[in-house]
Protein backbone atom coordinates (compact mmCIF):
# COMPACT_ATOMS: atom_id res chain seq x y z
CA UNK A 1 76.26 -14.63 -37.60
CA UNK A 2 77.92 -13.20 -34.51
CA UNK A 3 77.30 -9.87 -32.75
CA UNK A 4 79.66 -8.70 -30.02
CA UNK A 5 78.52 -5.74 -27.91
CA UNK A 6 81.40 -3.76 -26.46
CA UNK A 7 79.88 -0.26 -26.28
CA UNK A 8 76.46 1.14 -25.43
CA UNK A 9 73.29 -0.55 -26.61
CA UNK A 10 70.40 1.92 -26.80
CA UNK A 11 67.08 1.01 -28.33
CA UNK A 12 63.40 0.91 -27.45
CA UNK A 13 62.91 -2.43 -29.17
CA UNK A 14 65.95 -4.22 -30.53
CA UNK A 15 65.79 -7.61 -32.24
CA UNK A 16 69.03 -9.34 -33.17
CA UNK A 17 69.25 -12.37 -35.47
CA UNK A 18 72.71 -13.52 -34.44
CA UNK A 19 74.62 -15.21 -31.66
CA UNK A 20 75.31 -12.30 -29.29
CA UNK A 21 77.98 -11.70 -26.67
CA UNK A 22 77.93 -8.95 -24.03
CA UNK A 23 81.50 -7.95 -23.19
CA UNK A 24 82.72 -6.54 -19.86
CA UNK A 25 82.32 -2.77 -19.72
CA UNK A 26 79.46 -2.64 -22.23
CA UNK A 27 76.27 -0.83 -21.27
CA UNK A 28 72.56 -1.13 -22.03
CA UNK A 29 70.18 1.83 -21.81
CA UNK A 30 66.77 0.62 -20.65
CA UNK A 31 63.79 2.97 -20.93
CA UNK A 32 60.57 2.84 -18.93
CA UNK A 33 57.47 4.68 -20.16
CA UNK A 34 54.92 2.88 -17.97
CA UNK A 35 55.33 0.51 -15.04
CA UNK A 36 51.70 -0.65 -15.38
CA UNK A 37 51.50 -0.87 -19.20
CA UNK A 38 49.16 2.14 -19.29
CA UNK A 39 51.34 4.12 -21.73
CA UNK A 40 53.56 3.09 -24.63
CA UNK A 41 56.39 4.42 -26.77
CA UNK A 42 55.00 6.48 -29.63
CA UNK A 43 56.49 4.22 -32.33
CA UNK A 44 56.08 0.78 -30.72
CA UNK A 45 53.45 -0.97 -28.65
CA UNK A 46 55.80 -1.44 -25.68
CA UNK A 47 55.71 0.16 -22.21
CA UNK A 48 59.48 -0.42 -21.70
CA UNK A 49 62.59 -1.29 -23.72
CA UNK A 50 63.08 -4.90 -24.71
CA UNK A 51 66.06 -6.66 -26.25
CA UNK A 52 65.40 -9.90 -28.17
CA UNK A 53 68.09 -12.25 -29.46
CA UNK A 54 67.20 -14.96 -31.98
CA UNK A 55 70.14 -17.10 -30.92
CA UNK A 56 72.16 -17.60 -27.75
CA UNK A 57 73.20 -14.65 -25.60
CA UNK A 58 76.56 -15.13 -23.90
CA UNK A 59 77.56 -13.00 -20.92
CA UNK A 60 81.35 -12.79 -21.10
CA UNK A 61 82.77 -14.52 -18.01
CA UNK A 62 84.67 -12.39 -15.48
CA UNK A 63 82.63 -9.32 -16.31
CA UNK A 64 82.37 -8.65 -12.56
CA UNK A 65 85.81 -6.99 -12.67
CA UNK A 66 84.43 -4.59 -15.30
CA UNK A 67 80.62 -5.02 -15.06
CA UNK A 68 78.05 -4.63 -17.78
CA UNK A 69 76.25 -1.40 -16.95
CA UNK A 70 72.46 -1.17 -17.02
CA UNK A 71 71.21 2.41 -17.31
CA UNK A 72 67.48 2.64 -16.47
CA UNK A 73 65.78 5.80 -17.75
CA UNK A 74 62.31 7.12 -16.92
CA UNK A 75 61.01 8.59 -20.18
CA UNK A 76 57.93 9.86 -21.95
CA UNK A 77 56.42 8.21 -25.04
CA UNK A 78 59.06 9.89 -27.24
CA UNK A 79 62.08 8.74 -25.22
CA UNK A 80 62.71 12.07 -23.46
CA UNK A 81 63.73 11.91 -19.78
CA UNK A 82 60.61 12.48 -17.70
CA UNK A 83 59.57 12.18 -14.06
CA UNK A 84 55.88 11.69 -14.79
CA UNK A 85 55.40 7.97 -15.21
CA UNK A 86 53.11 5.61 -13.33
CA UNK A 87 55.92 4.19 -11.21
CA UNK A 88 54.99 3.70 -7.54
CA UNK A 89 58.23 3.36 -5.52
CA UNK A 90 56.37 1.49 -2.75
CA UNK A 91 55.42 -1.38 -5.10
CA UNK A 92 57.64 -4.22 -6.36
CA UNK A 93 58.06 -4.58 -10.14
CA UNK A 94 59.45 -7.20 -12.51
CA UNK A 95 60.25 -6.08 -16.05
CA UNK A 96 61.15 -8.57 -18.81
CA UNK A 97 64.45 -7.16 -20.08
CA UNK A 98 66.26 -9.55 -22.43
CA UNK A 99 64.91 -12.61 -24.20
CA UNK A 100 67.12 -15.05 -26.14
CA UNK A 101 66.98 -18.62 -27.34
CA UNK A 102 69.38 -19.36 -24.45
CA UNK A 103 71.37 -17.30 -21.95
CA UNK A 104 74.84 -18.52 -21.12
CA UNK A 105 77.15 -17.61 -18.21
CA UNK A 106 74.66 -15.37 -16.39
CA UNK A 107 75.88 -14.10 -13.03
CA UNK A 108 74.16 -11.08 -11.39
CA UNK A 109 77.59 -9.93 -10.15
CA UNK A 110 78.52 -9.24 -13.79
CA UNK A 111 76.03 -6.35 -13.87
CA UNK A 112 75.91 -2.91 -12.23
CA UNK A 113 73.32 -0.11 -12.35
CA UNK A 114 73.76 3.58 -13.19
CA UNK A 115 70.53 5.15 -11.88
CA UNK A 116 71.43 8.78 -12.63
CA UNK A 117 68.96 8.90 -15.57
CA UNK A 118 66.06 7.30 -13.72
CA UNK A 119 64.76 10.66 -12.55
CA UNK A 120 61.44 9.42 -11.18
CA UNK A 121 61.77 9.40 -7.36
CA UNK A 122 62.44 5.97 -5.90
CA UNK A 123 63.76 4.57 -2.61
CA UNK A 124 64.17 0.87 -3.36
CA UNK A 125 66.84 -1.17 -5.11
CA UNK A 126 67.29 -2.50 -8.64
CA UNK A 127 68.66 -5.93 -9.55
CA UNK A 128 68.76 -8.37 -12.45
CA UNK A 129 67.76 -12.01 -12.35
CA UNK A 130 67.46 -14.89 -14.77
CA UNK A 131 63.79 -15.88 -14.58
CA UNK A 132 64.10 -18.74 -17.08
CA UNK A 133 66.77 -20.25 -19.35
CA UNK A 134 65.68 -17.72 -22.00
CA UNK A 135 64.87 -14.51 -20.07
CA UNK A 136 66.55 -11.88 -17.90
CA UNK A 137 64.34 -9.57 -15.84
CA UNK A 138 64.97 -6.25 -14.13
CA UNK A 139 63.62 -6.27 -10.57
CA UNK A 140 62.65 -3.26 -8.48
CA UNK A 141 62.32 -3.98 -4.75
CA UNK A 142 60.79 -1.22 -2.60
CA UNK A 143 62.63 -0.07 0.49
CA UNK A 144 61.54 -1.45 3.83
CA UNK A 145 59.87 1.05 6.15
CA UNK A 146 62.18 2.87 8.55
CA UNK A 147 62.29 1.27 12.01
CA UNK A 148 60.66 4.33 13.60
CA UNK A 149 57.74 4.24 11.14
CA UNK A 150 57.33 0.52 11.65
CA UNK A 151 57.36 0.93 15.45
CA UNK A 152 54.69 3.63 15.21
CA UNK A 153 52.54 1.35 13.05
CA UNK A 154 52.91 -1.52 15.50
CA UNK A 155 51.92 0.76 18.41
CA UNK A 156 48.70 1.85 16.68
CA UNK A 157 47.47 -1.66 15.88
CA UNK A 158 46.45 -2.50 19.49
CA UNK A 159 44.48 0.74 19.68
CA UNK A 160 42.49 -0.12 16.59
CA UNK A 161 41.52 -3.61 17.78
CA UNK A 162 40.80 -2.84 21.44
CA UNK A 163 37.33 -4.15 22.30
CA UNK A 164 34.80 -1.60 23.33
CA UNK A 165 33.57 -1.94 26.92
CA UNK A 166 29.95 -1.56 27.62
CA UNK A 167 28.53 -1.40 31.10
CA UNK A 168 26.85 -4.57 32.26
CA UNK A 169 23.14 -4.34 32.70
CA UNK A 170 21.49 -6.15 35.59
């Protein structure tokens, strides 16, 4: 059995029982209901989309010239775009994304992100990493504080730890 993905893959919970290949230019819609596993899709017990392959997953080499597009979406329990999810843009997150019996030819440069449908406010960056020989994760990294805000914070620290002076008694 062989499955070749050349278009858009959209599913809340997709399980494939075949050797699978992601071709350059294909796209995967990934939906997030809850960043903290507090809420779930109405028809599954999952807080975000997951793609499982019972067989090897091959990332077509040279996809970086025409990357595989990951389209994160912030959604409600029914899959409708929604801004009200428990996603804190100041916190880092790691989301298991794809699991397979093996993952071949993974290169993060073969992937790009279209964040136009992730309508929950965020300031950080998204990336993909291979966390094990059988798993790809989506990573959210919060933005670093602006230099001015960091400087203000550093200026207030000495004020908060300044020892109190009491007059000496004789």
